[in-house]
């Protein structure tokens, strides 16, 4: 199922809006997707490893079993996201809102968490 999302294009200095499928989103691993809007998007089994996702919105996103390893998610919003079984190894989650985020069974090895989280 395709889902609309937007992200800031650093090269063009404009907001880029696309309609993409989950498979197409995977092509953005290792890319700068800062300030993307993934609210309510199904990202299950998606590979976004090494992507820059600063300030992105993952509110209520379905992220089970996704690969978020070594991502820079500083300042992102994960409120209500289901990250069950996801791989966040080495991810930067500083200044993220993790309210009601489900990390059950997730790989959180070497994750940099916001102050006060463990």
PDB file of N, CA and C in Angstrom:
ATOM      1  N   UNK A   1       0.839  -1.175   0.000  1.00  0.00           N
ATOM      2  CA  UNK A   1       0.000   0.000   0.000  1.00  0.00           C
ATOM      3  C   UNK A   1       0.885   1.239   0.000  1.00  0.00           C
ATOM      4  N   UNK A   2       0.614   2.158  -0.852  1.00  0.00           N
ATOM      5  CA  UNK A   2       1.389   3.391  -0.931  1.00  0.00           C
ATOM      6  C   UNK A   2       0.943   4.351   0.163  1.00  0.00           C
ATOM      7  N   UNK A   3       1.873   5.148   0.634  1.00  0.00           N
ATOM      8  CA  UNK A   3       1.594   6.135   1.670  1.00  0.00           C
ATOM      9  C   UNK A   3       2.315   7.416   1.311  1.00  0.00           C
ATOM     10  N   UNK A   4       1.669   8.532   1.517  1.00  0.00           N
ATOM     11  CA  UNK A   4       2.240   9.830   1.244  1.00  0.00           C
ATOM     12  C   UNK A   4       3.153  10.238   2.392  1.00  0.00           C
ATOM     13  N   UNK A   5       4.341  10.715   2.106  1.00  0.00           N
ATOM     14  CA  UNK A   5       5.186  11.297   3.139  1.00  0.00           C
ATOM     15  C   UNK A   5       6.041  12.393   2.529  1.00  0.00           C
ATOM     16  N   UNK A   6       6.572  13.234   3.387  1.00  0.00           N
ATOM     17  CA  UNK A   6       7.389  14.334   2.897  1.00  0.00           C
ATOM     18  C   UNK A   6       8.705  14.385   3.657  1.00  0.00           C
ATOM     19  N   UNK A   7       9.719  14.957   3.030  1.00  0.00           N
ATOM     20  CA  UNK A   7      10.992  15.141   3.692  1.00  0.00           C
ATOM     21  C   UNK A   7      11.677  16.379   3.112  1.00  0.00           C
ATOM     22  N   UNK A   8      12.624  16.908   3.858  1.00  0.00           N
ATOM     23  CA  UNK A   8      13.340  18.102   3.440  1.00  0.00           C
ATOM     24  C   UNK A   8      14.520  17.715   2.566  1.00  0.00           C
ATOM     25  N   UNK A   9      14.570  18.222   1.384  1.00  0.00           N
ATOM     26  CA  UNK A   9      15.679  17.960   0.472  1.00  0.00           C
ATOM     27  C   UNK A   9      16.779  18.978   0.758  1.00  0.00           C
ATOM     28  N   UNK A  10      17.916  18.491   1.262  1.00  0.00           N
ATOM     29  CA  UNK A  10      19.032  19.386   1.584  1.00  0.00           C
ATOM     30  C   UNK A  10      19.602  20.027   0.315  1.00  0.00           C
ATOM     31  N   UNK A  11      19.649  19.274  -0.774  1.00  0.00           N
ATOM     32  CA  UNK A  11      20.235  19.787  -2.012  1.00  0.00           C
ATOM     33  C   UNK A  11      19.366  20.875  -2.634  1.00  0.00           C
ATOM     34  N   UNK A  12      18.062  20.654  -2.634  1.00  0.00           N
ATOM     35  CA  UNK A  12      17.162  21.592  -3.301  1.00  0.00           C
ATOM     36  C   UNK A  12      16.572  22.617  -2.338  1.00  0.00           C
ATOM     37  N   UNK A  13      16.811  22.447  -1.035  1.00  0.00           N
ATOM     38  CA  UNK A  13      16.299  23.370  -0.009  1.00  0.00           C
ATOM     39  C   UNK A  13      14.781  23.523  -0.108  1.00  0.00           C
ATOM     40  N   UNK A  14      14.090  22.423  -0.345  1.00  0.00           N
ATOM     41  CA  UNK A  14      12.640  22.468  -0.441  1.00  0.00           C
ATOM     42  C   UNK A  14      12.067  21.175   0.130  1.00  0.00           C
ATOM     43  N   UNK A  15      10.806  21.205   0.443  1.00  0.00           N
ATOM     44  CA  UNK A  15      10.140  19.997   0.915  1.00  0.00           C
ATOM     45  C   UNK A  15       9.776  19.159  -0.292  1.00  0.00           C
ATOM     46  N   UNK A  16      10.184  17.900  -0.257  1.00  0.00           N
ATOM     47  CA  UNK A  16       9.881  16.966  -1.330  1.00  0.00           C
ATOM     48  C   UNK A  16       8.758  16.072  -0.837  1.00  0.00           C
ATOM     49  N   UNK A  17       7.716  15.930  -1.612  1.00  0.00           N
ATOM     50  CA  UNK A  17       6.590  15.098  -1.227  1.00  0.00           C
ATOM     51  C   UNK A  17       6.456  13.979  -2.234  1.00  0.00           C
ATOM     52  N   UNK A  18       6.312  12.761  -1.704  1.00  0.00           N
ATOM     53  CA  UNK A  18       6.228  11.599  -2.571  1.00  0.00           C
ATOM     54  C   UNK A  18       5.159  10.643  -2.081  1.00  0.00           C
ATOM     55  N   UNK A  19       4.603   9.895  -2.992  1.00  0.00           N
ATOM     56  CA  UNK A  19       3.761   8.760  -2.653  1.00  0.00           C
ATOM     57  C   UNK A  19       4.602   7.534  -2.948  1.00  0.00           C
ATOM     58  N   UNK A  20       4.843   6.727  -1.906  1.00  0.00           N
ATOM     59  CA  UNK A  20       5.741   5.592  -2.065  1.00  0.00           C
ATOM     60  C   UNK A  20       5.179   4.360  -1.382  1.00  0.00           C
ATOM     61  N   UNK A  21       5.655   3.205  -1.802  1.00  0.00           N
ATOM     62  CA  UNK A  21       5.329   1.968  -1.107  1.00  0.00           C
ATOM     63  C   UNK A  21       6.419   1.706  -0.087  1.00  0.00           C
ATOM     64  N   UNK A  22       6.194   0.757   0.810  1.00  0.00           N
ATOM     65  CA  UNK A  22       7.192   0.416   1.819  1.00  0.00           C
ATOM     66  C   UNK A  22       8.485  -0.035   1.147  1.00  0.00           C
ATOM     67  N   UNK A  23       8.410  -0.781   0.060  1.00  0.00           N
ATOM     68  CA  UNK A  23       9.619  -1.215  -0.642  1.00  0.00           C
ATOM     69  C   UNK A  23      10.404  -0.023  -1.164  1.00  0.00           C
ATOM     70  N   UNK A  24       9.713   0.989  -1.643  1.00  0.00           N
ATOM     71  CA  UNK A  24      10.399   2.180  -2.130  1.00  0.00           C
ATOM     72  C   UNK A  24      11.054   2.950  -0.996  1.00  0.00           C
ATOM     73  N   UNK A  25      10.436   2.985   0.181  1.00  0.00           N
ATOM     74  CA  UNK A  25      11.024   3.667   1.329  1.00  0.00           C
ATOM     75  C   UNK A  25      12.366   3.047   1.669  1.00  0.00           C
ATOM     76  N   UNK A  26      12.501   1.737   1.534  1.00  0.00           N
ATOM     77  CA  UNK A  26      13.748   1.053   1.867  1.00  0.00           C
ATOM     78  C   UNK A  26      14.932   1.582   1.065  1.00  0.00           C
ATOM     79  N   UNK A  27      14.693   2.125  -0.100  1.00  0.00           N
ATOM     80  CA  UNK A  27      15.795   2.647  -0.907  1.00  0.00           C
ATOM     81  C   UNK A  27      16.432   3.866  -0.264  1.00  0.00           C
ATOM     82  N   UNK A  28      15.780   4.427   0.775  1.00  0.00           N
ATOM     83  CA  UNK A  28      16.286   5.615   1.426  1.00  0.00           C
ATOM     84  C   UNK A  28      17.240   5.306   2.578  1.00  0.00           C
ATOM     85  N   UNK A  29      17.544   4.019   2.833  1.00  0.00           N
ATOM     86  CA  UNK A  29      18.549   3.692   3.830  1.00  0.00           C
ATOM     87  C   UNK A  29      19.839   4.391   3.463  1.00  0.00           C
ATOM     88  N   UNK A  30      20.567   4.875   4.459  1.00  0.00           N
ATOM     89  CA  UNK A  30      21.840   5.563   4.261  1.00  0.00           C
ATOM     90  C   UNK A  30      21.662   6.918   3.565  1.00  0.00           C
ATOM     91  N   UNK A  31      20.474   7.527   3.674  1.00  0.00           N
ATOM     92  CA  UNK A  31      20.188   8.828   3.063  1.00  0.00           C
ATOM     93  C   UNK A  31      19.767   9.825   4.141  1.00  0.00           C
ATOM     94  N   UNK A  32      19.739  11.098   3.788  1.00  0.00           N
ATOM     95  CA  UNK A  32      19.271  12.134   4.705  1.00  0.00           C
ATOM     96  C   UNK A  32      17.779  12.350   4.488  1.00  0.00           C
ATOM     97  N   UNK A  33      16.996  11.889   5.459  1.00  0.00           N
ATOM     98  CA  UNK A  33      15.540  12.037   5.422  1.00  0.00           C
ATOM     99  C   UNK A  33      15.063  12.890   6.595  1.00  0.00           C
ATOM    100  N   UNK A  34      15.904  13.807   7.036  1.00  0.00           N
ATOM    101  CA  UNK A  34      15.558  14.650   8.178  1.00  0.00           C
ATOM    102  C   UNK A  34      14.202  15.319   7.973  1.00  0.00           C
ATOM    103  N   UNK A  35      13.437  15.367   9.058  1.00  0.00           N
ATOM    104  CA  UNK A  35      12.123  16.012   9.125  1.00  0.00           C
ATOM    105  C   UNK A  35      11.065  15.334   8.253  1.00  0.00           C
ATOM    106  N   UNK A  36      11.234  14.047   7.989  1.00  0.00           N
ATOM    107  CA  UNK A  36      10.222  13.288   7.258  1.00  0.00           C
ATOM    108  C   UNK A  36       9.005  13.042   8.135  1.00  0.00           C
ATOM    109  N   UNK A  37       7.860  12.885   7.508  1.00  0.00           N
ATOM    110  CA  UNK A  37       6.619  12.596   8.232  1.00  0.00           C
ATOM    111  C   UNK A  37       6.190  11.165   7.928  1.00  0.00           C
ATOM    112  N   UNK A  38       6.402  10.270   8.925  1.00  0.00           N
ATOM    113  CA  UNK A  38       6.015   8.873   8.806  1.00  0.00           C
ATOM    114  C   UNK A  38       4.842   8.552   9.741  1.00  0.00           C
ATOM    115  N   UNK A  39       4.078   9.561  10.132  1.00  0.00           N
ATOM    116  CA  UNK A  39       2.969   9.339  11.064  1.00  0.00           C
ATOM    117  C   UNK A  39       1.984   8.331  10.483  1.00  0.00           C
ATOM    118  N   UNK A  40       1.678   7.287  11.287  1.00  0.00           N
ATOM    119  CA  UNK A  40       0.739   6.222  10.927  1.00  0.00           C
ATOM    120  C   UNK A  40       1.171   5.398   9.712  1.00  0.00           C
ATOM    121  N   UNK A  41       2.442   5.458   9.325  1.00  0.00           N
ATOM    122  CA  UNK A  41       2.938   4.702   8.171  1.00  0.00           C
ATOM    123  C   UNK A  41       3.350   3.297   8.603  1.00  0.00           C
ATOM    124  N   UNK A  42       3.065   2.310   7.777  1.00  0.00           N
ATOM    125  CA  UNK A  42       3.496   0.937   8.028  1.00  0.00           C
ATOM    126  C   UNK A  42       4.918   0.767   7.488  1.00  0.00           C
ATOM    127  N   UNK A  43       5.883   0.724   8.406  1.00  0.00           N
ATOM    128  CA  UNK A  43       7.289   0.554   8.054  1.00  0.00           C
ATOM    129  C   UNK A  43       7.801  -0.819   8.479  1.00  0.00           C
ATOM    130  N   UNK A  44       6.884  -1.756   8.688  1.00  0.00           N
ATOM    131  CA  UNK A  44       7.271  -3.105   9.111  1.00  0.00           C
ATOM    132  C   UNK A  44       8.270  -3.699   8.120  1.00  0.00           C
ATOM    133  N   UNK A  45       9.362  -4.270   8.667  1.00  0.00           N
ATOM    134  CA  UNK A  45      10.421  -4.915   7.879  1.00  0.00           C
ATOM    135  C   UNK A  45      11.146  -3.965   6.923  1.00  0.00           C
ATOM    136  N   UNK A  46      11.089  -2.675   7.158  1.00  0.00           N
ATOM    137  CA  UNK A  46      11.746  -1.701   6.295  1.00  0.00           C
ATOM    138  C   UNK A  46      13.189  -1.476   6.742  1.00  0.00           C
ATOM    139  N   UNK A  47      14.098  -1.327   5.801  1.00  0.00           N
ATOM    140  CA  UNK A  47      15.504  -1.090   6.108  1.00  0.00           C
ATOM    141  C   UNK A  47      15.836   0.385   5.917  1.00  0.00           C
ATOM    142  N   UNK A  48      15.967   1.101   7.031  1.00  0.00           N
ATOM    143  CA  UNK A  48      16.386   2.495   6.994  1.00  0.00           C
ATOM    144  C   UNK A  48      17.750   2.656   7.661  1.00  0.00           C
ATOM    145  N   UNK A  49      18.514   1.582   7.735  1.00  0.00           N
ATOM    146  CA  UNK A  49      19.798   1.608   8.429  1.00  0.00           C
ATOM    147  C   UNK A  49      20.691   2.730   7.893  1.00  0.00           C
ATOM    148  N   UNK A  50      21.348   3.386   8.821  1.00  0.00           N
ATOM    149  CA  UNK A  50      22.312   4.462   8.551  1.00  0.00           C
ATOM    150  C   UNK A  50      21.683   5.728   7.982  1.00  0.00           C
ATOM    151  N   UNK A  51      20.356   5.804   7.943  1.00  0.00           N
ATOM    152  CA  UNK A  51      19.699   7.012   7.438  1.00  0.00           C
ATOM    153  C   UNK A  51      19.779   8.124   8.487  1.00  0.00           C
ATOM    154  N   UNK A  52      19.742   9.354   8.020  1.00  0.00           N
ATOM    155  CA  UNK A  52      19.671  10.513   8.906  1.00  0.00           C
ATOM    156  C   UNK A  52      18.207  10.909   8.965  1.00  0.00           C
ATOM    157  N   UNK A  53      17.628  10.809  10.168  1.00  0.00           N
ATOM    158  CA  UNK A  53      16.189  11.009  10.350  1.00  0.00           C
ATOM    159  C   UNK A  53      15.914  12.060  11.419  1.00  0.00           C
ATOM    160  N   UNK A  54      16.787  13.044  11.535  1.00  0.00           N
ATOM    161  CA  UNK A  54      16.650  14.080  12.563  1.00  0.00           C
ATOM    162  C   UNK A  54      15.295  14.759  12.456  1.00  0.00           C
ATOM    163  N   UNK A  55      14.624  14.902  13.615  1.00  0.00           N
ATOM    164  CA  UNK A  55      13.361  15.617  13.666  1.00  0.00           C
ATOM    165  C   UNK A  55      12.205  14.962  12.952  1.00  0.00           C
ATOM    166  N   UNK A  56      12.347  13.719  12.533  1.00  0.00           N
ATOM    167  CA  UNK A  56      11.274  13.040  11.807  1.00  0.00           C
ATOM    168  C   UNK A  56      10.134  12.645  12.741  1.00  0.00           C
ATOM    169  N   UNK A  57       8.964  12.456  12.162  1.00  0.00           N
ATOM    170  CA  UNK A  57       7.767  12.116  12.919  1.00  0.00           C
ATOM    171  C   UNK A  57       7.368  10.668  12.630  1.00  0.00           C
ATOM    172  N   UNK A  58       7.497   9.811  13.673  1.00  0.00           N
ATOM    173  CA  UNK A  58       7.111   8.406  13.578  1.00  0.00           C
ATOM    174  C   UNK A  58       5.898   8.115  14.470  1.00  0.00           C
ATOM    175  N   UNK A  59       5.091   9.127  14.784  1.00  0.00           N
ATOM    176  CA  UNK A  59       3.943   8.954  15.668  1.00  0.00           C
ATOM    177  C   UNK A  59       3.044   7.833  15.157  1.00  0.00           C
ATOM    178  N   UNK A  60       2.809   6.858  16.035  1.00  0.00           N
ATOM    179  CA  UNK A  60       1.933   5.708  15.751  1.00  0.00           C
ATOM    180  C   UNK A  60       2.352   4.905  14.519  1.00  0.00           C
ATOM    181  N   UNK A  61       3.615   4.986  14.138  1.00  0.00           N
ATOM    182  CA  UNK A  61       4.101   4.200  12.995  1.00  0.00           C
ATOM    183  C   UNK A  61       4.237   2.731  13.383  1.00  0.00           C
ATOM    184  N   UNK A  62       3.992   1.846  12.438  1.00  0.00           N
ATOM    185  CA  UNK A  62       4.170   0.402  12.607  1.00  0.00           C
ATOM    186  C   UNK A  62       5.581   0.086  12.131  1.00  0.00           C
ATOM    187  N   UNK A  63       6.496  -0.149  13.087  1.00  0.00           N
ATOM    188  CA  UNK A  63       7.912  -0.324  12.756  1.00  0.00           C
ATOM    189  C   UNK A  63       8.446  -1.681  13.187  1.00  0.00           C
ATOM    190  N   UNK A  64       7.566  -2.623  13.461  1.00  0.00           N
ATOM    191  CA  UNK A  64       7.995  -3.946  13.922  1.00  0.00           C
ATOM    192  C   UNK A  64       8.966  -4.573  12.931  1.00  0.00           C
ATOM    193  N   UNK A  65      10.035  -5.137  13.480  1.00  0.00           N
ATOM    194  CA  UNK A  65      11.042  -5.866  12.699  1.00  0.00           C
ATOM    195  C   UNK A  65      11.754  -5.006  11.653  1.00  0.00           C
ATOM    196  N   UNK A  66      11.704  -3.690  11.780  1.00  0.00           N
ATOM    197  CA  UNK A  66      12.422  -2.826  10.839  1.00  0.00           C
ATOM    198  C   UNK A  66      13.890  -2.702  11.251  1.00  0.00           C
ATOM    199  N   UNK A  67      14.724  -2.291  10.319  1.00  0.00           N
ATOM    200  CA  UNK A  67      16.147  -2.106  10.590  1.00  0.00           C
ATOM    201  C   UNK A  67      16.441  -0.617  10.671  1.00  0.00           C
ATOM    202  N   UNK A  68      16.633  -0.137  11.897  1.00  0.00           N
ATOM    203  CA  UNK A  68      16.945   1.266  12.153  1.00  0.00           C
ATOM    204  C   UNK A  68      18.367   1.393  12.692  1.00  0.00           C
ATOM    205  N   UNK A  69      19.205   0.398  12.426  1.00  0.00           N
ATOM    206  CA  UNK A  69      20.551   0.384  12.995  1.00  0.00           C
ATOM    207  C   UNK A  69      21.377   1.566  12.482  1.00  0.00           C
ATOM    208  N   UNK A  70      22.093   2.160  13.427  1.00  0.00           N
ATOM    209  CA  UNK A  70      23.012   3.271  13.160  1.00  0.00           C
ATOM    210  C   UNK A  70      22.347   4.482  12.506  1.00  0.00           C
ATOM    211  N   UNK A  71      21.057   4.656  12.756  1.00  0.00           N
ATOM    212  CA  UNK A  71      20.366   5.847  12.262  1.00  0.00           C
ATOM    213  C   UNK A  71      20.611   7.018  13.205  1.00  0.00           C
ATOM    214  N   UNK A  72      20.511   8.214  12.694  1.00  0.00           N
ATOM    215  CA  UNK A  72      20.569   9.414  13.517  1.00  0.00           C
ATOM    216  C   UNK A  72      19.156   9.977  13.567  1.00  0.00           C
ATOM    217  N   UNK A  73      18.474   9.688  14.681  1.00  0.00           N
ATOM    218  CA  UNK A  73      17.083  10.098  14.846  1.00  0.00           C
ATOM    219  C   UNK A  73      16.948  11.243  15.850  1.00  0.00           C
ATOM    220  N   UNK A  74      18.002  11.986  16.067  1.00  0.00           N
ATOM    221  CA  UNK A  74      17.984  13.039  17.080  1.00  0.00           C
ATOM    222  C   UNK A  74      16.776  13.948  16.897  1.00  0.00           C
ATOM    223  N   UNK A  75      16.013  14.112  17.996  1.00  0.00           N
ATOM    224  CA  UNK A  75      14.851  14.983  17.982  1.00  0.00           C
ATOM    225  C   UNK A  75      13.613  14.412  17.310  1.00  0.00           C
ATOM    226  N   UNK A  76      13.632  13.142  16.939  1.00  0.00           N
ATOM    227  CA  UNK A  76      12.476  12.528  16.275  1.00  0.00           C
ATOM    228  C   UNK A  76      11.358  12.232  17.278  1.00  0.00           C
ATOM    229  N   UNK A  77      10.152  12.094  16.771  1.00  0.00           N
ATOM    230  CA  UNK A  77       8.977  11.788  17.588  1.00  0.00           C
ATOM    231  C   UNK A  77       8.544  10.357  17.297  1.00  0.00           C
ATOM    232  N   UNK A  78       8.659   9.485  18.329  1.00  0.00           N
ATOM    233  CA  UNK A  78       8.257   8.083  18.210  1.00  0.00           C
ATOM    234  C   UNK A  78       7.016   7.788  19.064  1.00  0.00           C
ATOM    235  N   UNK A  79       6.239   8.801  19.444  1.00  0.00           N
ATOM    236  CA  UNK A  79       5.073   8.601  20.324  1.00  0.00           C
ATOM    237  C   UNK A  79       4.149   7.525  19.766  1.00  0.00           C
ATOM    238  N   UNK A  80       3.929   6.486  20.555  1.00  0.00           N
ATOM    239  CA  UNK A  80       2.999   5.435  20.177  1.00  0.00           C
ATOM    240  C   UNK A  80       3.481   4.513  19.075  1.00  0.00           C
ATOM    241  N   UNK A  81       4.725   4.644  18.651  1.00  0.00           N
ATOM    242  CA  UNK A  81       5.241   3.778  17.581  1.00  0.00           C
ATOM    243  C   UNK A  81       5.415   2.349  18.084  1.00  0.00           C
ATOM    244  N   UNK A  82       5.120   1.378  17.234  1.00  0.00           N
ATOM    245  CA  UNK A  82       5.324  -0.028  17.573  1.00  0.00           C
ATOM    246  C   UNK A  82       6.635  -0.480  16.944  1.00  0.00           C
ATOM    247  N   UNK A  83       7.673  -0.544  17.781  1.00  0.00           N
ATOM    248  CA  UNK A  83       9.022  -0.906  17.322  1.00  0.00           C
ATOM    249  C   UNK A  83       9.403  -2.301  17.801  1.00  0.00           C
ATOM    250  N   UNK A  84       8.393  -3.139  18.012  1.00  0.00           N
ATOM    251  CA  UNK A  84       8.621  -4.498  18.503  1.00  0.00           C
ATOM    252  C   UNK A  84       9.543  -5.265  17.558  1.00  0.00           C
ATOM    253  N   UNK A  85      10.648  -5.798  18.118  1.00  0.00           N
ATOM    254  CA  UNK A  85      11.570  -6.605  17.340  1.00  0.00           C
ATOM    255  C   UNK A  85      12.444  -5.833  16.367  1.00  0.00           C
ATOM    256  N   UNK A  86      12.363  -4.506  16.388  1.00  0.00           N
ATOM    257  CA  UNK A  86      13.163  -3.690  15.461  1.00  0.00           C
ATOM    258  C   UNK A  86      14.629  -3.665  15.898  1.00  0.00           C
ATOM    259  N   UNK A  87      15.507  -3.407  14.945  1.00  0.00           N
ATOM    260  CA  UNK A  87      16.941  -3.319  15.222  1.00  0.00           C
ATOM    261  C   UNK A  87      17.344  -1.845  15.260  1.00  0.00           C
ATOM    262  N   UNK A  88      17.606  -1.341  16.477  1.00  0.00           N
ATOM    263  CA  UNK A  88      18.038   0.040  16.667  1.00  0.00           C
ATOM    264  C   UNK A  88      19.511   0.103  17.080  1.00  0.00           C
ATOM    265  N   UNK A  89      20.255  -0.952  16.874  1.00  0.00           N
ATOM    266  CA  UNK A  89      21.650  -1.004  17.315  1.00  0.00           C
ATOM    267  C   UNK A  89      22.415   0.250  16.859  1.00  0.00           C
ATOM    268  N   UNK A  90      23.035   0.932  17.826  1.00  0.00           N
ATOM    269  CA  UNK A  90      23.866   2.090  17.541  1.00  0.00           C
ATOM    270  C   UNK A  90      23.118   3.342  17.120  1.00  0.00           C
ATOM    271  N   UNK A  91      21.793   3.352  17.227  1.00  0.00           N
ATOM    272  CA  UNK A  91      21.002   4.512  16.804  1.00  0.00           C
ATOM    273  C   UNK A  91      21.145   5.667  17.799  1.00  0.00           C
ATOM    274  N   UNK A  92      21.044   6.887  17.302  1.00  0.00           N
ATOM    275  CA  UNK A  92      21.057   8.085  18.130  1.00  0.00           C
ATOM    276  C   UNK A  92      19.608   8.509  18.362  1.00  0.00           C
ATOM    277  N   UNK A  93      19.149   8.368  19.622  1.00  0.00           N
ATOM    278  CA  UNK A  93      17.784   8.744  19.977  1.00  0.00           C
ATOM    279  C   UNK A  93      17.757   9.926  20.940  1.00  0.00           C
ATOM    280  N   UNK A  94      18.825  10.730  20.944  1.00  0.00           N
ATOM    281  CA  UNK A  94      18.882  11.904  21.818  1.00  0.00           C
ATOM    282  C   UNK A  94      17.780  12.882  21.437  1.00  0.00           C
ATOM    283  N   UNK A  95      17.133  13.437  22.470  1.00  0.00           N
ATOM    284  CA  UNK A  95      16.056  14.422  22.313  1.00  0.00           C
ATOM    285  C   UNK A  95      14.830  13.874  21.597  1.00  0.00           C
ATOM    286  N   UNK A  96      14.686  12.543  21.538  1.00  0.00           N
ATOM    287  CA  UNK A  96      13.499  11.928  20.939  1.00  0.00           C
ATOM    288  C   UNK A  96      12.373  11.843  21.952  1.00  0.00           C
ATOM    289  N   UNK A  97      11.143  11.934  21.481  1.00  0.00           N
ATOM    290  CA  UNK A  97       9.985  11.680  22.325  1.00  0.00           C
ATOM    291  C   UNK A  97       9.624  10.211  22.147  1.00  0.00           C
ATOM    292  N   UNK A  98       9.818   9.443  23.223  1.00  0.00           N
ATOM    293  CA  UNK A  98       9.589   8.001  23.187  1.00  0.00           C
ATOM    294  C   UNK A  98       8.343   7.603  23.982  1.00  0.00           C
ATOM    295  N   UNK A  99       7.450   8.552  24.224  1.00  0.00           N
ATOM    296  CA  UNK A  99       6.238   8.299  24.988  1.00  0.00           C
ATOM    297  C   UNK A  99       5.420   7.175  24.346  1.00  0.00           C
ATOM    298  N   UNK A 100       5.127   6.143  25.145  1.00  0.00           N
ATOM    299  CA  UNK A 100       4.312   4.998  24.719  1.00  0.00           C
ATOM    300  C   UNK A 100       4.879   4.251  23.513  1.00  0.00           C
ATOM    301  N   UNK A 101       6.196   4.311  23.321  1.00  0.00           N
ATOM    302  CA  UNK A 101       6.830   3.549  22.247  1.00  0.00           C
ATOM    303  C   UNK A 101       7.054   2.120  22.714  1.00  0.00           C
ATOM    304  N   UNK A 102       6.715   1.141  21.888  1.00  0.00           N
ATOM    305  CA  UNK A 102       6.880  -0.271  22.222  1.00  0.00           C
ATOM    306  C   UNK A 102       8.201  -0.782  21.655  1.00  0.00           C
ATOM    307  N   UNK A 103       9.171  -1.037  22.565  1.00  0.00           N
ATOM    308  CA  UNK A 103      10.473  -1.572  22.167  1.00  0.00           C
ATOM    309  C   UNK A 103      10.611  -3.046  22.560  1.00  0.00           C
ATOM    310  N   UNK A 104       9.508  -3.745  22.809  1.00  0.00           N
ATOM    311  CA  UNK A 104       9.573  -5.153  23.233  1.00  0.00           C
ATOM    312  C   UNK A 104      10.339  -5.983  22.205  1.00  0.00           C
ATOM    313  N   UNK A 105      11.375  -6.679  22.653  1.00  0.00           N
ATOM    314  CA  UNK A 105      12.154  -7.545  21.783  1.00  0.00           C
ATOM    315  C   UNK A 105      13.063  -6.819  20.806  1.00  0.00           C
ATOM    316  N   UNK A 106      13.148  -5.493  20.904  1.00  0.00           N
ATOM    317  CA  UNK A 106      13.991  -4.720  19.984  1.00  0.00           C
ATOM    318  C   UNK A 106      15.458  -4.819  20.393  1.00  0.00           C
ATOM    319  N   UNK A 107      16.355  -4.728  19.420  1.00  0.00           N
ATOM    320  CA  UNK A 107      17.785  -4.685  19.684  1.00  0.00           C
ATOM    321  C   UNK A 107      18.155  -3.235  19.978  1.00  0.00           C
ATOM    322  N   UNK A 108      18.490  -2.968  21.248  1.00  0.00           N
ATOM    323  CA  UNK A 108      18.826  -1.615  21.674  1.00  0.00           C
ATOM    324  C   UNK A 108      20.289  -1.501  22.081  1.00  0.00           C
ATOM    325  N   UNK A 109      21.106  -2.408  21.595  1.00  0.00           N
ATOM    326  CA  UNK A 109      22.529  -2.415  21.931  1.00  0.00           C
ATOM    327  C   UNK A 109      23.207  -1.154  21.385  1.00  0.00           C
ATOM    328  N   UNK A 110      23.953  -0.495  22.255  1.00  0.00           N
ATOM    329  CA  UNK A 110      24.731   0.702  21.913  1.00  0.00           C
ATOM    330  C   UNK A 110      23.869   1.890  21.465  1.00  0.00           C
ATOM    331  N   UNK A 111      22.581   1.897  21.809  1.00  0.00           N
ATOM    332  CA  UNK A 111      21.701   3.018  21.475  1.00  0.00           C
ATOM    333  C   UNK A 111      22.041   4.201  22.377  1.00  0.00           C
ATOM    334  N   UNK A 112      22.045   5.378  21.802  1.00  0.00           N
ATOM    335  CA  UNK A 112      22.226   6.614  22.575  1.00  0.00           C
ATOM    336  C   UNK A 112      20.835   7.154  22.872  1.00  0.00           C
ATOM    337  N   UNK A 113      20.415   7.012  24.157  1.00  0.00           N
ATOM    338  CA  UNK A 113      19.066   7.412  24.568  1.00  0.00           C
ATOM    339  C   UNK A 113      19.063   8.832  25.096  1.00  0.00           C
ATOM    340  N   UNK A 114      17.862   9.442  25.123  1.00  0.00           N
ATOM    341  CA  UNK A 114      17.724  10.765  25.756  1.00  0.00           C
ATOM    342  C   UNK A 114      18.050  10.665  27.243  1.00  0.00           C
ATOM    343  N   UNK A 115      18.414  11.776  27.834  1.00  0.00           N
ATOM    344  CA  UNK A 115      18.677  11.784  29.269  1.00  0.00           C
ATOM    345  C   UNK A 115      17.482  11.236  30.004  1.00  0.00           C
ATOM    346  N   UNK A 116      17.747  10.410  31.020  1.00  0.00           N
ATOM    347  CA  UNK A 116      16.684   9.861  31.843  1.00  0.00           C
ATOM    348  C   UNK A 116      16.129   8.533  31.357  1.00  0.00           C
ATOM    349  N   UNK A 117      16.463   8.082  30.164  1.00  0.00           N
ATOM    350  CA  UNK A 117      16.001   6.794  29.642  1.00  0.00           C
ATOM    351  C   UNK A 117      17.136   5.795  29.716  1.00  0.00           C
ATOM    352  N   UNK A 118      16.763   4.541  29.927  1.00  0.00           N
ATOM    353  CA  UNK A 118      17.758   3.457  29.964  1.00  0.00           C
ATOM    354  C   UNK A 118      17.273   2.287  29.170  1.00  0.00           C
TER     355      UNK A 118
END
